[in-house]
PDB file of N, CA and C in Angstrom:
ATOM      1  N   UNK A   1       5.821  -1.373  -3.503  1.00  0.00           N
ATOM      2  CA  UNK A   1       5.783  -1.172  -2.075  1.00  0.00           C
ATOM      3  C   UNK A   1       4.411  -1.566  -1.511  1.00  0.00           C
ATOM      4  N   UNK A   2       3.376  -1.153  -2.198  1.00  0.00           N
ATOM      5  CA  UNK A   2       2.028  -1.458  -1.715  1.00  0.00           C
ATOM      6  C   UNK A   2       1.778  -2.964  -1.705  1.00  0.00           C
ATOM      7  N   UNK A   3       2.309  -3.670  -2.692  1.00  0.00           N
ATOM      8  CA  UNK A   3       2.125  -5.117  -2.728  1.00  0.00           C
ATOM      9  C   UNK A   3       2.793  -5.781  -1.524  1.00  0.00           C
ATOM     10  N   UNK A   4       3.950  -5.266  -1.134  1.00  0.00           N
ATOM     11  CA  UNK A   4       4.646  -5.813   0.030  1.00  0.00           C
ATOM     12  C   UNK A   4       3.870  -5.585   1.310  1.00  0.00           C
ATOM     13  N   UNK A   5       3.295  -4.408   1.436  1.00  0.00           N
ATOM     14  CA  UNK A   5       2.495  -4.099   2.623  1.00  0.00           C
ATOM     15  C   UNK A   5       1.272  -5.008   2.682  1.00  0.00           C
ATOM     16  N   UNK A   6       0.615  -5.176   1.550  1.00  0.00           N
ATOM     17  CA  UNK A   6      -0.573  -6.039   1.505  1.00  0.00           C
ATOM     18  C   UNK A   6      -0.196  -7.480   1.839  1.00  0.00           C
ATOM     19  N   UNK A   7       0.881  -7.974   1.238  1.00  0.00           N
ATOM     20  CA  UNK A   7       1.314  -9.348   1.502  1.00  0.00           C
ATOM     21  C   UNK A   7       1.684  -9.528   2.969  1.00  0.00           C
ATOM     22  N   UNK A   8       2.336  -8.529   3.544  1.00  0.00           N
ATOM     23  CA  UNK A   8       2.708  -8.597   4.958  1.00  0.00           C
ATOM     24  C   UNK A   8       1.487  -8.668   5.859  1.00  0.00           C
ATOM     25  N   UNK A   9       0.491  -7.847   5.577  1.00  0.00           N
ATOM     26  CA  UNK A   9      -0.729  -7.867   6.392  1.00  0.00           C
ATOM     27  C   UNK A   9      -1.472  -9.189   6.237  1.00  0.00           C
ATOM     28  N   UNK A  10      -1.505  -9.719   5.035  1.00  0.00           N
ATOM     29  CA  UNK A  10      -2.164 -11.014   4.832  1.00  0.00           C
ATOM     30  C   UNK A  10      -1.456 -12.084   5.651  1.00  0.00           C
ATOM     31  N   UNK A  11      -0.130 -12.099   5.606  1.00  0.00           N
ATOM     32  CA  UNK A  11       0.640 -13.086   6.363  1.00  0.00           C
ATOM     33  C   UNK A  11       0.398 -12.929   7.859  1.00  0.00           C
ATOM     34  N   UNK A  12       0.430 -11.691   8.347  1.00  0.00           N
ATOM     35  CA  UNK A  12       0.214 -11.445   9.778  1.00  0.00           C
ATOM     36  C   UNK A  12      -1.177 -11.907  10.201  1.00  0.00           C
ATOM     37  N   UNK A  13      -2.180 -11.597   9.390  1.00  0.00           N
ATOM     38  CA  UNK A  13      -3.541 -12.006   9.739  1.00  0.00           C
ATOM     39  C   UNK A  13      -3.699 -13.525   9.714  1.00  0.00           C
ATOM     40  N   UNK A  14      -3.095 -14.193   8.747  1.00  0.00           N
ATOM     41  CA  UNK A  14      -3.158 -15.652   8.699  1.00  0.00           C
ATOM     42  C   UNK A  14      -2.518 -16.256   9.941  1.00  0.00           C
ATOM     43  N   UNK A  15      -1.324 -15.788  10.273  1.00  0.00           N
ATOM     44  CA  UNK A  15      -0.615 -16.336  11.424  1.00  0.00           C
ATOM     45  C   UNK A  15      -1.359 -16.043  12.728  1.00  0.00           C
ATOM     46  N   UNK A  16      -1.920 -14.861  12.844  1.00  0.00           N
ATOM     47  CA  UNK A  16      -2.669 -14.519  14.056  1.00  0.00           C
ATOM     48  C   UNK A  16      -3.898 -15.412  14.197  1.00  0.00           C
ATOM     49  N   UNK A  17      -4.595 -15.641  13.092  1.00  0.00           N
ATOM     50  CA  UNK A  17      -5.791 -16.491  13.148  1.00  0.00           C
ATOM     51  C   UNK A  17      -5.433 -17.916  13.535  1.00  0.00           C
ATOM     52  N   UNK A  18      -4.342 -18.435  13.019  1.00  0.00           N
ATOM     53  CA  UNK A  18      -3.943 -19.806  13.344  1.00  0.00           C
ATOM     54  C   UNK A  18      -3.331 -19.900  14.736  1.00  0.00           C
ATOM     55  N   UNK A  19      -2.678 -18.832  15.192  1.00  0.00           N
ATOM     56  CA  UNK A  19      -2.047 -18.843  16.509  1.00  0.00           C
ATOM     57  C   UNK A  19      -3.097 -18.810  17.616  1.00  0.00           C
ATOM     58  N   UNK A  20      -4.147 -18.038  17.416  1.00  0.00           N
ATOM     59  CA  UNK A  20      -5.184 -17.912  18.441  1.00  0.00           C
ATOM     60  C   UNK A  20      -5.842 -19.266  18.683  1.00  0.00           C
ATOM     61  N   UNK A  21      -6.259 -19.893  17.634  1.00  0.00           N
ATOM     62  CA  UNK A  21      -6.910 -21.193  17.774  1.00  0.00           C
ATOM     63  C   UNK A  21      -6.945 -21.845  16.401  1.00  0.00           C
ATOM     64  N   UNK A  22      -6.483 -23.064  16.352  1.00  0.00           N
ATOM     65  CA  UNK A  22      -6.440 -23.736  15.060  1.00  0.00           C
ATOM     66  C   UNK A  22      -7.841 -24.002  14.516  1.00  0.00           C
ATOM     67  N   UNK A  23      -8.842 -23.964  15.385  1.00  0.00           N
ATOM     68  CA  UNK A  23     -10.220 -24.171  14.937  1.00  0.00           C
ATOM     69  C   UNK A  23     -10.805 -22.919  14.294  1.00  0.00           C
ATOM     70  N   UNK A  24     -10.052 -21.840  14.269  1.00  0.00           N
ATOM     71  CA  UNK A  24     -10.551 -20.592  13.693  1.00  0.00           C
ATOM     72  C   UNK A  24     -10.203 -20.468  12.215  1.00  0.00           C
ATOM     73  N   UNK A  25     -10.243 -21.556  11.514  1.00  0.00           N
ATOM     74  CA  UNK A  25      -9.899 -21.496  10.094  1.00  0.00           C
ATOM     75  C   UNK A  25     -10.881 -20.636   9.310  1.00  0.00           C
ATOM     76  N   UNK A  26     -12.077 -20.449   9.818  1.00  0.00           N
ATOM     77  CA  UNK A  26     -13.032 -19.562   9.151  1.00  0.00           C
ATOM     78  C   UNK A  26     -12.609 -18.104   9.291  1.00  0.00           C
ATOM     79  N   UNK A  27     -11.713 -17.815  10.236  1.00  0.00           N
ATOM     80  CA  UNK A  27     -11.263 -16.432  10.437  1.00  0.00           C
ATOM     81  C   UNK A  27     -10.337 -15.980   9.309  1.00  0.00           C
ATOM     82  N   UNK A  28      -9.673 -16.920   8.673  1.00  0.00           N
ATOM     83  CA  UNK A  28      -8.741 -16.544   7.606  1.00  0.00           C
ATOM     84  C   UNK A  28      -9.488 -15.915   6.428  1.00  0.00           C
ATOM     85  N   UNK A  29     -10.533 -16.546   5.900  1.00  0.00           N
ATOM     86  CA  UNK A  29     -11.265 -15.868   4.816  1.00  0.00           C
ATOM     87  C   UNK A  29     -11.906 -14.563   5.281  1.00  0.00           C
ATOM     88  N   UNK A  30     -12.359 -14.520   6.524  1.00  0.00           N
ATOM     89  CA  UNK A  30     -12.953 -13.281   7.044  1.00  0.00           C
ATOM     90  C   UNK A  30     -11.911 -12.179   7.109  1.00  0.00           C
ATOM     91  N   UNK A  31     -10.733 -12.511   7.618  1.00  0.00           N
ATOM     92  CA  UNK A  31      -9.662 -11.516   7.713  1.00  0.00           C
ATOM     93  C   UNK A  31      -9.243 -11.059   6.323  1.00  0.00           C
ATOM     94  N   UNK A  32      -9.166 -11.992   5.390  1.00  0.00           N
ATOM     95  CA  UNK A  32      -8.810 -11.623   4.024  1.00  0.00           C
ATOM     96  C   UNK A  32      -9.872 -10.716   3.415  1.00  0.00           C
ATOM     97  N   UNK A  33     -11.136 -11.004   3.688  1.00  0.00           N
ATOM     98  CA  UNK A  33     -12.221 -10.163   3.181  1.00  0.00           C
ATOM     99  C   UNK A  33     -12.158  -8.755   3.745  1.00  0.00           C
ATOM    100  N   UNK A  34     -11.872  -8.648   5.032  1.00  0.00           N
ATOM    101  CA  UNK A  34     -11.741  -7.323   5.653  1.00  0.00           C
ATOM    102  C   UNK A  34     -10.550  -6.586   5.055  1.00  0.00           C
ATOM    103  N   UNK A  35      -9.430  -7.279   4.903  1.00  0.00           N
ATOM    104  CA  UNK A  35      -8.240  -6.659   4.321  1.00  0.00           C
ATOM    105  C   UNK A  35      -8.522  -6.194   2.893  1.00  0.00           C
ATOM    106  N   UNK A  36      -9.190  -7.015   2.132  1.00  0.00           N
ATOM    107  CA  UNK A  36      -9.524  -6.648   0.760  1.00  0.00           C
ATOM    108  C   UNK A  36     -10.431  -5.419   0.729  1.00  0.00           C
ATOM    109  N   UNK A  37     -11.388  -5.365   1.636  1.00  0.00           N
ATOM    110  CA  UNK A  37     -12.278  -4.205   1.706  1.00  0.00           C
ATOM    111  C   UNK A  37     -11.496  -2.944   2.063  1.00  0.00           C
ATOM    112  N   UNK A  38     -10.559  -3.064   2.998  1.00  0.00           N
ATOM    113  CA  UNK A  38      -9.743  -1.907   3.389  1.00  0.00           C
ATOM    114  C   UNK A  38      -8.900  -1.437   2.211  1.00  0.00           C
ATOM    115  N   UNK A  39      -8.311  -2.356   1.486  1.00  0.00           N
ATOM    116  CA  UNK A  39      -7.484  -1.992   0.335  1.00  0.00           C
ATOM    117  C   UNK A  39      -8.333  -1.313  -0.737  1.00  0.00           C
ATOM    118  N   UNK A  40      -9.500  -1.870  -1.013  1.00  0.00           N
ATOM    119  CA  UNK A  40     -10.369  -1.299  -2.046  1.00  0.00           C
ATOM    120  C   UNK A  40     -10.819   0.105  -1.662  1.00  0.00           C
ATOM    121  N   UNK A  41     -11.066   0.331  -0.387  1.00  0.00           N
ATOM    122  CA  UNK A  41     -11.512   1.652   0.062  1.00  0.00           C
ATOM    123  C   UNK A  41     -10.361   2.653   0.073  1.00  0.00           C
ATOM    124  N   UNK A  42      -9.157   2.223   0.458  1.00  0.00           N
ATOM    125  CA  UNK A  42      -8.048   3.171   0.613  1.00  0.00           C
ATOM    126  C   UNK A  42      -7.272   3.442  -0.668  1.00  0.00           C
ATOM    127  N   UNK A  43      -7.354   2.582  -1.672  1.00  0.00           N
ATOM    128  CA  UNK A  43      -6.603   2.823  -2.912  1.00  0.00           C
ATOM    129  C   UNK A  43      -7.004   4.144  -3.570  1.00  0.00           C
ATOM    130  N   UNK A  44      -8.290   4.475  -3.657  1.00  0.00           N
ATOM    131  CA  UNK A  44      -8.617   5.783  -4.248  1.00  0.00           C
ATOM    132  C   UNK A  44      -8.080   6.969  -3.441  1.00  0.00           C
ATOM    133  N   UNK A  45      -7.820   6.754  -2.173  1.00  0.00           N
ATOM    134  CA  UNK A  45      -7.256   7.829  -1.345  1.00  0.00           C
ATOM    135  C   UNK A  45      -5.747   7.925  -1.565  1.00  0.00           C
ATOM    136  N   UNK A  46      -5.068   6.769  -1.567  1.00  0.00           N
ATOM    137  CA  UNK A  46      -3.601   6.765  -1.661  1.00  0.00           C
ATOM    138  C   UNK A  46      -3.086   7.025  -3.071  1.00  0.00           C
ATOM    139  N   UNK A  47      -3.800   6.568  -4.087  1.00  0.00           N
ATOM    140  CA  UNK A  47      -3.304   6.704  -5.462  1.00  0.00           C
ATOM    141  C   UNK A  47      -3.034   8.153  -5.854  1.00  0.00           C
ATOM    142  N   UNK A  48      -3.944   9.088  -5.629  1.00  0.00           N
ATOM    143  CA  UNK A  48      -3.638  10.480  -6.002  1.00  0.00           C
ATOM    144  C   UNK A  48      -2.468  11.066  -5.218  1.00  0.00           C
ATOM    145  N   UNK A  49      -2.336  10.665  -3.956  1.00  0.00           N
ATOM    146  CA  UNK A  49      -1.227  11.176  -3.138  1.00  0.00           C
ATOM    147  C   UNK A  49       0.100  10.697  -3.711  1.00  0.00           C
ATOM    148  N   UNK A  50       0.187   9.411  -4.006  1.00  0.00           N
ATOM    149  CA  UNK A  50       1.431   8.845  -4.541  1.00  0.00           C
ATOM    150  C   UNK A  50       1.741   9.440  -5.909  1.00  0.00           C
ATOM    151  N   UNK A  51       0.739   9.524  -6.774  1.00  0.00           N
ATOM    152  CA  UNK A  51       0.972  10.062  -8.117  1.00  0.00           C
ATOM    153  C   UNK A  51       1.338  11.539  -8.068  1.00  0.00           C
ATOM    154  N   UNK A  52       0.723  12.298  -7.176  1.00  0.00           N
ATOM    155  CA  UNK A  52       1.029  13.720  -7.050  1.00  0.00           C
ATOM    156  C   UNK A  52       2.459  13.918  -6.554  1.00  0.00           C
ATOM    157  N   UNK A  53       2.893  13.099  -5.595  1.00  0.00           N
ATOM    158  CA  UNK A  53       4.269  13.194  -5.099  1.00  0.00           C
ATOM    159  C   UNK A  53       5.269  12.873  -6.202  1.00  0.00           C
ATOM    160  N   UNK A  54       4.953  11.874  -7.028  1.00  0.00           N
ATOM    161  CA  UNK A  54       5.834  11.518  -8.140  1.00  0.00           C
ATOM    162  C   UNK A  54       5.922  12.680  -9.125  1.00  0.00           C
ATOM    163  N   UNK A  55       4.785  13.301  -9.408  1.00  0.00           N
ATOM    164  CA  UNK A  55       4.758  14.436 -10.333  1.00  0.00           C
ATOM    165  C   UNK A  55       5.580  15.600  -9.775  1.00  0.00           C
ATOM    166  N   UNK A  56       5.474  15.862  -8.483  1.00  0.00           N
ATOM    167  CA  UNK A  56       6.233  16.960  -7.866  1.00  0.00           C
ATOM    168  C   UNK A  56       7.736  16.697  -7.936  1.00  0.00           C
ATOM    169  N   UNK A  57       8.146  15.444  -7.709  1.00  0.00           N
ATOM    170  CA  UNK A  57       9.574  15.113  -7.793  1.00  0.00           C
ATOM    171  C   UNK A  57      10.102  15.324  -9.204  1.00  0.00           C
ATOM    172  N   UNK A  58       9.343  14.868 -10.206  1.00  0.00           N
ATOM    173  CA  UNK A  58       9.773  15.044 -11.596  1.00  0.00           C
ATOM    174  C   UNK A  58       9.838  16.521 -11.958  1.00  0.00           C
ATOM    175  N   UNK A  59       8.887  17.296 -11.486  1.00  0.00           N
ATOM    176  CA  UNK A  59       8.867  18.722 -11.762  1.00  0.00           C
ATOM    177  C   UNK A  59      10.076  19.402 -11.115  1.00  0.00           C
ATOM    178  N   UNK A  60      10.416  19.010  -9.897  1.00  0.00           N
ATOM    179  CA  UNK A  60      11.577  19.581  -9.211  1.00  0.00           C
ATOM    180  C   UNK A  60      12.864  19.221  -9.951  1.00  0.00           C
ATOM    181  N   UNK A  61      12.962  17.994 -10.452  1.00  0.00           N
ATOM    182  CA  UNK A  61      14.151  17.589 -11.203  1.00  0.00           C
ATOM    183  C   UNK A  61      14.292  18.418 -12.473  1.00  0.00           C
ATOM    184  N   UNK A  62      13.175  18.661 -13.165  1.00  0.00           N
ATOM    185  CA  UNK A  62      13.219  19.468 -14.384  1.00  0.00           C
ATOM    186  C   UNK A  62      13.665  20.889 -14.076  1.00  0.00           C
ATOM    187  N   UNK A  63      13.218  21.435 -12.959  1.00  0.00           N
ATOM    188  CA  UNK A  63      13.610  22.790 -12.586  1.00  0.00           C
ATOM    189  C   UNK A  63      15.103  22.855 -12.304  1.00  0.00           C
ATOM    190  N   UNK A  64      15.638  21.847 -11.642  1.00  0.00           N
ATOM    191  CA  UNK A  64      17.074  21.815 -11.353  1.00  0.00           C
ATOM    192  C   UNK A  64      17.856  21.754 -12.652  1.00  0.00           C
ATOM    193  N   UNK A  65      17.420  20.928 -13.585  1.00  0.00           N
ATOM    194  CA  UNK A  65      18.107  20.813 -14.873  1.00  0.00           C
ATOM    195  C   UNK A  65      18.046  22.143 -15.617  1.00  0.00           C
ATOM    196  N   UNK A  66      16.895  22.802 -15.606  1.00  0.00           N
ATOM    197  CA  UNK A  66      16.758  24.083 -16.298  1.00  0.00           C
ATOM    198  C   UNK A  66      17.663  25.141 -15.683  1.00  0.00           C
ATOM    199  N   UNK A  67      17.801  25.139 -14.371  1.00  0.00           N
ATOM    200  CA  UNK A  67      18.673  26.113 -13.705  1.00  0.00           C
ATOM    201  C   UNK A  67      20.121  25.864 -14.096  1.00  0.00           C
ATOM    202  N   UNK A  68      20.535  24.605 -14.132  1.00  0.00           N
ATOM    203  CA  UNK A  68      21.907  24.283 -14.494  1.00  0.00           C
ATOM    204  C   UNK A  68      22.185  24.656 -15.949  1.00  0.00           C
ATOM    205  N   UNK A  69      21.242  24.422 -16.831  1.00  0.00           N
ATOM    206  CA  UNK A  69      21.419  24.749 -18.244  1.00  0.00           C
ATOM    207  C   UNK A  69      21.450  26.262 -18.422  1.00  0.00           C
ATOM    208  N   UNK A  70      20.652  26.969 -17.677  1.00  0.00           N
ATOM    209  CA  UNK A  70      20.561  28.421 -17.796  1.00  0.00           C
ATOM    210  C   UNK A  70      21.858  29.105 -17.376  1.00  0.00           C
ATOM    211  N   UNK A  71      22.556  28.535 -16.409  1.00  0.00           N
ATOM    212  CA  UNK A  71      23.816  29.125 -15.938  1.00  0.00           C
ATOM    213  C   UNK A  71      24.810  29.019 -17.041  1.00  0.00           C
TER     214      UNK A  71
END
């Protein structure tokens, strides 16, 4: 999912830079650099949230299985 979001933002930024002015080809590497910086900064924030949610779902599934077995 994260790869799709990143690819989508890269595509949007490329198209926006070319749509504004074709002479703004230097904006594409700049936009990519900003996007890369945002991704590098936010991954440490998002990774624990995503992993914690996955752990909670697995734990809930185990509890449901244990309840069914216990009955």
